[in-house]
Amino acid sequence: MMKTVPLSKTLSIDQLNHLIDTGHVYVTPLGLNRTAYIVVNHKPFMVITTDISINGIQLSGAWYTWEDIEAMGGVYDSEFDALKAIANGV
């Protein structure tokens, strides 16, 4: 049985290229079960990243499409980044 495993340095370049070619490798903006910040009413709001998919992200149990997140002003790794985005007019 195959199971989900994180990428590691034990994979060869050929194996990694095969995973990329077959659509198994994605770059996610945030890690799972980590805090993140979204901008709500021009204030940073802390959430937990509970799941990430190709079409959206689940933050504290609520699903958002990437377009919804972009319209809200984005999702940020730190409160400082969210505050900086607010100051820049997001």
PDB file of N, CA and C in Angstrom:
ATOM      1  N   MET A   1       0.843  -1.182   0.000  1.00  0.00           N
ATOM      2  CA  MET A   1       0.000   0.000   0.000  1.00  0.00           C
ATOM      3  C   MET A   1       0.882   1.237   0.000  1.00  0.00           C
ATOM      4  N   MET A   2       0.536   2.196  -0.833  1.00  0.00           N
ATOM      5  CA  MET A   2       1.260   3.463  -0.852  1.00  0.00           C
ATOM      6  C   MET A   2       0.577   4.431   0.097  1.00  0.00           C
ATOM      7  N   LYS A   3       1.361   5.281   0.722  1.00  0.00           N
ATOM      8  CA  LYS A   3       0.804   6.298   1.602  1.00  0.00           C
ATOM      9  C   LYS A   3       1.484   7.627   1.322  1.00  0.00           C
ATOM     10  N   THR A   4       0.904   8.681   1.800  1.00  0.00           N
ATOM     11  CA  THR A   4       1.467  10.011   1.610  1.00  0.00           C
ATOM     12  C   THR A   4       2.707  10.157   2.477  1.00  0.00           C
ATOM     13  N   VAL A   5       3.782  10.574   1.867  1.00  0.00           N
ATOM     14  CA  VAL A   5       5.033  10.800   2.586  1.00  0.00           C
ATOM     15  C   VAL A   5       5.625  12.134   2.124  1.00  0.00           C
ATOM     16  N   PRO A   6       6.336  12.809   3.001  1.00  0.00           N
ATOM     17  CA  PRO A   6       6.970  14.066   2.569  1.00  0.00           C
ATOM     18  C   PRO A   6       8.137  13.792   1.630  1.00  0.00           C
ATOM     19  N   LEU A   7       8.429  14.738   0.777  1.00  0.00           N
ATOM     20  CA  LEU A   7       9.599  14.613  -0.086  1.00  0.00           C
ATOM     21  C   LEU A   7      10.842  14.638   0.791  1.00  0.00           C
ATOM     22  N   SER A   8      11.832  13.905   0.385  1.00  0.00           N
ATOM     23  CA  SER A   8      13.079  13.886   1.151  1.00  0.00           C
ATOM     24  C   SER A   8      14.253  13.813   0.185  1.00  0.00           C
ATOM     25  N   LYS A   9      15.427  13.935   0.738  1.00  0.00           N
ATOM     26  CA  LYS A   9      16.641  13.891  -0.073  1.00  0.00           C
ATOM     27  C   LYS A   9      16.981  12.485  -0.548  1.00  0.00           C
ATOM     28  N   THR A  10      16.225  11.492  -0.103  1.00  0.00           N
ATOM     29  CA  THR A  10      16.503  10.121  -0.538  1.00  0.00           C
ATOM     30  C   THR A  10      15.980   9.842  -1.945  1.00  0.00           C
ATOM     31  N   LEU A  11      15.097  10.710  -2.457  1.00  0.00           N
ATOM     32  CA  LEU A  11      14.592  10.526  -3.820  1.00  0.00           C
ATOM     33  C   LEU A  11      15.671  10.906  -4.827  1.00  0.00           C
ATOM     34  N   SER A  12      15.748  10.132  -5.877  1.00  0.00           N
ATOM     35  CA  SER A  12      16.700  10.470  -6.944  1.00  0.00           C
ATOM     36  C   SER A  12      16.089  11.580  -7.809  1.00  0.00           C
ATOM     37  N   ILE A  13      16.923  12.186  -8.603  1.00  0.00           N
ATOM     38  CA  ILE A  13      16.456  13.232  -9.515  1.00  0.00           C
ATOM     39  C   ILE A  13      15.434  12.664 -10.492  1.00  0.00           C
ATOM     40  N   ASP A  14      15.649  11.449 -10.964  1.00  0.00           N
ATOM     41  CA  ASP A  14      14.708  10.805 -11.885  1.00  0.00           C
ATOM     42  C   ASP A  14      13.353  10.588 -11.224  1.00  0.00           C
ATOM     43  N   GLN A  15      13.356  10.145  -9.959  1.00  0.00           N
ATOM     44  CA  GLN A  15      12.100   9.959  -9.241  1.00  0.00           C
ATOM     45  C   GLN A  15      11.385  11.303  -9.049  1.00  0.00           C
ATOM     46  N   LEU A  16      12.136  12.318  -8.692  1.00  0.00           N
ATOM     47  CA  LEU A  16      11.552  13.643  -8.500  1.00  0.00           C
ATOM     48  C   LEU A  16      10.983  14.188  -9.804  1.00  0.00           C
ATOM     49  N   ASN A  17      11.707  14.031 -10.891  1.00  0.00           N
ATOM     50  CA  ASN A  17      11.215  14.485 -12.191  1.00  0.00           C
ATOM     51  C   ASN A  17       9.950  13.733 -12.590  1.00  0.00           C
ATOM     52  N   HIS A  18       9.893  12.428 -12.302  1.00  0.00           N
ATOM     53  CA  HIS A  18       8.692  11.647 -12.592  1.00  0.00           C
ATOM     54  C   HIS A  18       7.501  12.184 -11.793  1.00  0.00           C
ATOM     55  N   LEU A  19       7.708  12.491 -10.526  1.00  0.00           N
ATOM     56  CA  LEU A  19       6.622  13.036  -9.702  1.00  0.00           C
ATOM     57  C   LEU A  19       6.139  14.385 -10.241  1.00  0.00           C
ATOM     58  N   ILE A  20       7.057  15.212 -10.664  1.00  0.00           N
ATOM     59  CA  ILE A  20       6.688  16.514 -11.232  1.00  0.00           C
ATOM     60  C   ILE A  20       5.915  16.316 -12.535  1.00  0.00           C
ATOM     61  N   ASP A  21       6.407  15.438 -13.401  1.00  0.00           N
ATOM     62  CA  ASP A  21       5.763  15.194 -14.695  1.00  0.00           C
ATOM     63  C   ASP A  21       4.358  14.617 -14.549  1.00  0.00           C
ATOM     64  N   THR A  22       4.139  13.809 -13.526  1.00  0.00           N
ATOM     65  CA  THR A  22       2.831  13.183 -13.344  1.00  0.00           C
ATOM     66  C   THR A  22       1.890  14.015 -12.468  1.00  0.00           C
ATOM     67  N   GLY A  23       2.320  15.220 -12.062  1.00  0.00           N
ATOM     68  CA  GLY A  23       1.441  16.103 -11.307  1.00  0.00           C
ATOM     69  C   GLY A  23       1.302  15.763  -9.835  1.00  0.00           C
ATOM     70  N   HIS A  24       2.310  15.126  -9.273  1.00  0.00           N
ATOM     71  CA  HIS A  24       2.256  14.756  -7.862  1.00  0.00           C
ATOM     72  C   HIS A  24       2.947  15.755  -6.944  1.00  0.00           C
ATOM     73  N   VAL A  25       3.675  16.707  -7.493  1.00  0.00           N
ATOM     74  CA  VAL A  25       4.427  17.654  -6.674  1.00  0.00           C
ATOM     75  C   VAL A  25       3.833  19.042  -6.834  1.00  0.00           C
ATOM     76  N   TYR A  26       3.513  19.662  -5.690  1.00  0.00           N
ATOM     77  CA  TYR A  26       2.971  21.015  -5.669  1.00  0.00           C
ATOM     78  C   TYR A  26       3.709  21.833  -4.617  1.00  0.00           C
ATOM     79  N   VAL A  27       3.794  23.105  -4.848  1.00  0.00           N
ATOM     80  CA  VAL A  27       4.375  24.015  -3.870  1.00  0.00           C
ATOM     81  C   VAL A  27       3.214  24.685  -3.157  1.00  0.00           C
ATOM     82  N   THR A  28       3.157  24.544  -1.843  1.00  0.00           N
ATOM     83  CA  THR A  28       2.080  25.159  -1.071  1.00  0.00           C
ATOM     84  C   THR A  28       2.608  26.401  -0.364  1.00  0.00           C
ATOM     85  N   PRO A  29       1.782  27.419  -0.256  1.00  0.00           N
ATOM     86  CA  PRO A  29       2.247  28.671   0.346  1.00  0.00           C
ATOM     87  C   PRO A  29       2.419  28.585   1.852  1.00  0.00           C
ATOM     88  N   LEU A  30       1.747  27.643   2.502  1.00  0.00           N
ATOM     89  CA  LEU A  30       1.796  27.520   3.956  1.00  0.00           C
ATOM     90  C   LEU A  30       1.895  26.064   4.352  1.00  0.00           C
ATOM     91  N   GLY A  31       2.362  25.815   5.553  1.00  0.00           N
ATOM     92  CA  GLY A  31       2.409  24.461   6.079  1.00  0.00           C
ATOM     93  C   GLY A  31       1.121  24.116   6.800  1.00  0.00           C
ATOM     94  N   LEU A  32       0.805  22.833   6.845  1.00  0.00           N
ATOM     95  CA  LEU A  32      -0.397  22.391   7.543  1.00  0.00           C
ATOM     96  C   LEU A  32      -0.240  22.530   9.052  1.00  0.00           C
ATOM     97  N   ASN A  33      -1.356  22.800   9.713  1.00  0.00           N
ATOM     98  CA  ASN A  33      -1.418  22.934  11.170  1.00  0.00           C
ATOM     99  C   ASN A  33      -0.494  24.019  11.704  1.00  0.00           C
ATOM    100  N   ARG A  34      -0.331  25.071  10.933  1.00  0.00           N
ATOM    101  CA  ARG A  34       0.476  26.223  11.342  1.00  0.00           C
ATOM    102  C   ARG A  34      -0.415  27.459  11.358  1.00  0.00           C
ATOM    103  N   THR A  35      -0.046  28.419  12.144  1.00  0.00           N
ATOM    104  CA  THR A  35      -0.821  29.664  12.173  1.00  0.00           C
ATOM    105  C   THR A  35      -0.529  30.474  10.924  1.00  0.00           C
ATOM    106  N   ALA A  36      -1.527  31.208  10.496  1.00  0.00           N
ATOM    107  CA  ALA A  36      -1.418  32.118   9.365  1.00  0.00           C
ATOM    108  C   ALA A  36      -2.297  33.320   9.685  1.00  0.00           C
ATOM    109  N   TYR A  37      -2.214  34.321   8.869  1.00  0.00           N
ATOM    110  CA  TYR A  37      -3.007  35.531   9.085  1.00  0.00           C
ATOM    111  C   TYR A  37      -3.692  35.929   7.791  1.00  0.00           C
ATOM    112  N   ILE A  38      -4.980  36.258   7.907  1.00  0.00           N
ATOM    113  CA  ILE A  38      -5.716  36.824   6.788  1.00  0.00           C
ATOM    114  C   ILE A  38      -6.163  38.219   7.199  1.00  0.00           C
ATOM    115  N   VAL A  39      -6.477  39.028   6.227  1.00  0.00           N
ATOM    116  CA  VAL A  39      -6.911  40.391   6.501  1.00  0.00           C
ATOM    117  C   VAL A  39      -8.433  40.432   6.446  1.00  0.00           C
ATOM    118  N   VAL A  40      -9.058  40.803   7.560  1.00  0.00           N
ATOM    119  CA  VAL A  40     -10.515  40.921   7.662  1.00  0.00           C
ATOM    120  C   VAL A  40     -10.824  42.315   8.176  1.00  0.00           C
ATOM    121  N   ASN A  41     -11.563  43.097   7.393  1.00  0.00           N
ATOM    122  CA  ASN A  41     -11.897  44.483   7.758  1.00  0.00           C
ATOM    123  C   ASN A  41     -10.657  45.293   8.120  1.00  0.00           C
ATOM    124  N   HIS A  42      -9.627  45.166   7.312  1.00  0.00           N
ATOM    125  CA  HIS A  42      -8.365  45.896   7.463  1.00  0.00           C
ATOM    126  C   HIS A  42      -7.652  45.591   8.775  1.00  0.00           C
ATOM    127  N   LYS A  43      -7.865  44.386   9.327  1.00  0.00           N
ATOM    128  CA  LYS A  43      -7.171  43.944  10.532  1.00  0.00           C
ATOM    129  C   LYS A  43      -6.676  42.524  10.318  1.00  0.00           C
ATOM    130  N   PRO A  44      -5.478  42.208  10.828  1.00  0.00           N
ATOM    131  CA  PRO A  44      -4.998  40.830  10.700  1.00  0.00           C
ATOM    132  C   PRO A  44      -5.778  39.910  11.631  1.00  0.00           C
ATOM    133  N   PHE A  45      -6.118  38.747  11.126  1.00  0.00           N
ATOM    134  CA  PHE A  45      -6.907  37.775  11.871  1.00  0.00           C
ATOM    135  C   PHE A  45      -6.165  36.448  11.831  1.00  0.00           C
ATOM    136  N   MET A  46      -5.821  35.907  13.010  1.00  0.00           N
ATOM    137  CA  MET A  46      -5.058  34.661  13.062  1.00  0.00           C
ATOM    138  C   MET A  46      -5.959  33.459  12.791  1.00  0.00           C
ATOM    139  N   VAL A  47      -5.490  32.557  11.935  1.00  0.00           N
ATOM    140  CA  VAL A  47      -6.196  31.321  11.597  1.00  0.00           C
ATOM    141  C   VAL A  47      -5.195  30.175  11.625  1.00  0.00           C
ATOM    142  N   ILE A  48      -5.705  28.964  11.602  1.00  0.00           N
ATOM    143  CA  ILE A  48      -4.872  27.766  11.504  1.00  0.00           C
ATOM    144  C   ILE A  48      -5.083  27.168  10.116  1.00  0.00           C
ATOM    145  N   THR A  49      -3.999  26.858   9.439  1.00  0.00           N
ATOM    146  CA  THR A  49      -4.076  26.212   8.126  1.00  0.00           C
ATOM    147  C   THR A  49      -4.385  24.743   8.352  1.00  0.00           C
ATOM    148  N   THR A  50      -5.632  24.348   8.064  1.00  0.00           N
ATOM    149  CA  THR A  50      -6.039  22.973   8.336  1.00  0.00           C
ATOM    150  C   THR A  50      -5.991  22.063   7.115  1.00  0.00           C
ATOM    151  N   ASP A  51      -6.028  22.626   5.907  1.00  0.00           N
ATOM    152  CA  ASP A  51      -5.907  21.812   4.696  1.00  0.00           C
ATOM    153  C   ASP A  51      -5.592  22.727   3.526  1.00  0.00           C
ATOM    154  N   ILE A  52      -4.915  22.180   2.538  1.00  0.00           N
ATOM    155  CA  ILE A  52      -4.568  22.935   1.333  1.00  0.00           C
ATOM    156  C   ILE A  52      -4.872  22.056   0.137  1.00  0.00           C
ATOM    157  N   SER A  53      -5.564  22.629  -0.857  1.00  0.00           N
ATOM    158  CA  SER A  53      -5.829  21.892  -2.087  1.00  0.00           C
ATOM    159  C   SER A  53      -5.386  22.730  -3.278  1.00  0.00           C
ATOM    160  N   ILE A  54      -5.549  22.185  -4.452  1.00  0.00           N
ATOM    161  CA  ILE A  54      -5.191  22.916  -5.660  1.00  0.00           C
ATOM    162  C   ILE A  54      -6.120  24.113  -5.853  1.00  0.00           C
ATOM    163  N   ASN A  55      -7.395  23.940  -5.495  1.00  0.00           N
ATOM    164  CA  ASN A  55      -8.387  24.993  -5.740  1.00  0.00           C
ATOM    165  C   ASN A  55      -8.605  25.946  -4.586  1.00  0.00           C
ATOM    166  N   GLY A  56      -8.102  25.626  -3.408  1.00  0.00           N
ATOM    167  CA  GLY A  56      -8.355  26.496  -2.274  1.00  0.00           C
ATOM    168  C   GLY A  56      -7.580  26.086  -1.038  1.00  0.00           C
ATOM    169  N   ILE A  57      -7.949  26.731   0.063  1.00  0.00           N
ATOM    170  CA  ILE A  57      -7.268  26.502   1.328  1.00  0.00           C
ATOM    171  C   ILE A  57      -8.301  26.495   2.444  1.00  0.00           C
ATOM    172  N   GLN A  58      -8.094  25.627   3.413  1.00  0.00           N
ATOM    173  CA  GLN A  58      -8.994  25.562   4.559  1.00  0.00           C
ATOM    174  C   GLN A  58      -8.289  26.226   5.734  1.00  0.00           C
ATOM    175  N   LEU A  59      -8.914  27.294   6.219  1.00  0.00           N
ATOM    176  CA  LEU A  59      -8.356  28.054   7.326  1.00  0.00           C
ATOM    177  C   LEU A  59      -9.309  27.973   8.499  1.00  0.00           C
ATOM    178  N   SER A  60      -8.850  27.423   9.601  1.00  0.00           N
ATOM    179  CA  SER A  60      -9.662  27.233  10.813  1.00  0.00           C
ATOM    180  C   SER A  60     -10.988  26.556  10.491  1.00  0.00           C
ATOM    181  N   GLY A  61     -10.952  25.592   9.584  1.00  0.00           N
ATOM    182  CA  GLY A  61     -12.131  24.796   9.261  1.00  0.00           C
ATOM    183  C   GLY A  61     -12.998  25.330   8.140  1.00  0.00           C
ATOM    184  N   ALA A  62     -12.760  26.539   7.672  1.00  0.00           N
ATOM    185  CA  ALA A  62     -13.561  27.133   6.587  1.00  0.00           C
ATOM    186  C   ALA A  62     -12.757  27.109   5.284  1.00  0.00           C
ATOM    187  N   TRP A  63     -13.405  26.625   4.217  1.00  0.00           N
ATOM    188  CA  TRP A  63     -12.745  26.574   2.911  1.00  0.00           C
ATOM    189  C   TRP A  63     -12.861  27.910   2.201  1.00  0.00           C
ATOM    190  N   TYR A  64     -11.771  28.348   1.579  1.00  0.00           N
ATOM    191  CA  TYR A  64     -11.718  29.558   0.759  1.00  0.00           C
ATOM    192  C   TYR A  64     -11.066  29.185  -0.566  1.00  0.00           C
ATOM    193  N   THR A  65     -11.587  29.717  -1.652  1.00  0.00           N
ATOM    194  CA  THR A  65     -10.897  29.539  -2.927  1.00  0.00           C
ATOM    195  C   THR A  65      -9.723  30.508  -2.945  1.00  0.00           C
ATOM    196  N   TRP A  66      -8.755  30.236  -3.821  1.00  0.00           N
ATOM    197  CA  TRP A  66      -7.611  31.141  -3.920  1.00  0.00           C
ATOM    198  C   TRP A  66      -8.062  32.524  -4.367  1.00  0.00           C
ATOM    199  N   GLU A  67      -9.128  32.587  -5.186  1.00  0.00           N
ATOM    200  CA  GLU A  67      -9.655  33.881  -5.623  1.00  0.00           C
ATOM    201  C   GLU A  67     -10.260  34.641  -4.445  1.00  0.00           C
ATOM    202  N   ASP A  68     -10.975  33.935  -3.551  1.00  0.00           N
ATOM    203  CA  ASP A  68     -11.537  34.570  -2.353  1.00  0.00           C
ATOM    204  C   ASP A  68     -10.429  35.149  -1.472  1.00  0.00           C
ATOM    205  N   ILE A  69      -9.385  34.366  -1.283  1.00  0.00           N
ATOM    206  CA  ILE A  69      -8.261  34.816  -0.457  1.00  0.00           C
ATOM    207  C   ILE A  69      -7.596  36.034  -1.080  1.00  0.00           C
ATOM    208  N   GLU A  70      -7.428  36.016  -2.391  1.00  0.00           N
ATOM    209  CA  GLU A  70      -6.818  37.149  -3.068  1.00  0.00           C
ATOM    210  C   GLU A  70      -7.686  38.400  -2.946  1.00  0.00           C
ATOM    211  N   ALA A  71      -9.003  38.240  -3.069  1.00  0.00           N
ATOM    212  CA  ALA A  71      -9.927  39.371  -2.933  1.00  0.00           C
ATOM    213  C   ALA A  71      -9.924  39.936  -1.503  1.00  0.00           C
ATOM    214  N   MET A  72      -9.729  39.059  -0.513  1.00  0.00           N
ATOM    215  CA  MET A  72      -9.681  39.503   0.877  1.00  0.00           C
ATOM    216  C   MET A  72      -8.380  40.229   1.192  1.00  0.00           C
ATOM    217  N   GLY A  73      -7.352  39.996   0.417  1.00  0.00           N
ATOM    218  CA  GLY A  73      -6.076  40.649   0.661  1.00  0.00           C
ATOM    219  C   GLY A  73      -4.927  39.687   0.871  1.00  0.00           C
ATOM    220  N   GLY A  74      -5.184  38.402   0.789  1.00  0.00           N
ATOM    221  CA  GLY A  74      -4.115  37.415   0.874  1.00  0.00           C
ATOM    222  C   GLY A  74      -4.057  36.690   2.193  1.00  0.00           C
ATOM    223  N   VAL A  75      -3.174  35.720   2.257  1.00  0.00           N
ATOM    224  CA  VAL A  75      -2.914  34.965   3.474  1.00  0.00           C
ATOM    225  C   VAL A  75      -1.414  35.083   3.731  1.00  0.00           C
ATOM    226  N   TYR A  76      -1.053  35.281   4.994  1.00  0.00           N
ATOM    227  CA  TYR A  76       0.324  35.618   5.326  1.00  0.00           C
ATOM    228  C   TYR A  76       0.873  34.703   6.408  1.00  0.00           C
ATOM    229  N   ASP A  77       2.179  34.484   6.372  1.00  0.00           N
ATOM    230  CA  ASP A  77       2.854  33.645   7.360  1.00  0.00           C
ATOM    231  C   ASP A  77       2.889  34.284   8.742  1.00  0.00           C
ATOM    232  N   SER A  78       2.991  35.599   8.792  1.00  0.00           N
ATOM    233  CA  SER A  78       3.135  36.272  10.078  1.00  0.00           C
ATOM    234  C   SER A  78       2.211  37.483  10.170  1.00  0.00           C
ATOM    235  N   GLU A  79       1.962  37.886  11.393  1.00  0.00           N
ATOM    236  CA  GLU A  79       1.128  39.069  11.613  1.00  0.00           C
ATOM    237  C   GLU A  79       1.817  40.309  11.049  1.00  0.00           C
ATOM    238  N   PHE A  80       3.138  40.347  11.131  1.00  0.00           N
ATOM    239  CA  PHE A  80       3.886  41.482  10.589  1.00  0.00           C
ATOM    240  C   PHE A  80       3.662  41.617   9.083  1.00  0.00           C
ATOM    241  N   ASP A  81       3.699  40.499   8.361  1.00  0.00           N
ATOM    242  CA  ASP A  81       3.469  40.542   6.911  1.00  0.00           C
ATOM    243  C   ASP A  81       2.061  41.032   6.598  1.00  0.00           C
ATOM    244  N   ALA A  82       1.079  40.591   7.395  1.00  0.00           N
ATOM    245  CA  ALA A  82      -0.307  41.039   7.193  1.00  0.00           C
ATOM    246  C   ALA A  82      -0.421  42.535   7.466  1.00  0.00           C
ATOM    247  N   LEU A  83       0.200  43.013   8.523  1.00  0.00           N
ATOM    248  CA  LEU A  83       0.163  44.451   8.842  1.00  0.00           C
ATOM    249  C   LEU A  83       0.858  45.265   7.765  1.00  0.00           C
ATOM    250  N   LYS A  84       1.962  44.749   7.244  1.00  0.00           N
ATOM    251  CA  LYS A  84       2.683  45.433   6.163  1.00  0.00           C
ATOM    252  C   LYS A  84       1.803  45.527   4.913  1.00  0.00           C
ATOM    253  N   ALA A  85       1.065  44.466   4.610  1.00  0.00           N
ATOM    254  CA  ALA A  85       0.158  44.480   3.456  1.00  0.00           C
ATOM    255  C   ALA A  85      -0.951  45.500   3.664  1.00  0.00           C
ATOM    256  N   ILE A  86      -1.470  45.587   4.881  1.00  0.00           N
ATOM    257  CA  ILE A  86      -2.516  46.573   5.171  1.00  0.00           C
ATOM    258  C   ILE A  86      -1.963  47.986   4.988  1.00  0.00           C
ATOM    259  N   ALA A  87      -0.754  48.229   5.477  1.00  0.00           N
ATOM    260  CA  ALA A  87      -0.126  49.556   5.364  1.00  0.00           C
ATOM    261  C   ALA A  87       0.137  49.924   3.908  1.00  0.00           C
ATOM    262  N   ASN A  88       0.375  48.910   3.060  1.00  0.00           N
ATOM    263  CA  ASN A  88       0.609  49.146   1.633  1.00  0.00           C
ATOM    264  C   ASN A  88      -0.673  49.263   0.831  1.00  0.00           C
ATOM    265  N   GLY A  89      -1.824  49.191   1.513  1.00  0.00           N
ATOM    266  CA  GLY A  89      -3.090  49.419   0.839  1.00  0.00           C
ATOM    267  C   GLY A  89      -3.764  48.199   0.279  1.00  0.00           C
ATOM    268  N   VAL A  90      -3.530  47.035   0.830  1.00  0.00           N
ATOM    269  CA  VAL A  90      -4.206  45.819   0.354  1.00  0.00           C
ATOM    270  C   VAL A  90      -5.654  45.853   0.798  1.00  0.00           C
TER     271      VAL A  90
END
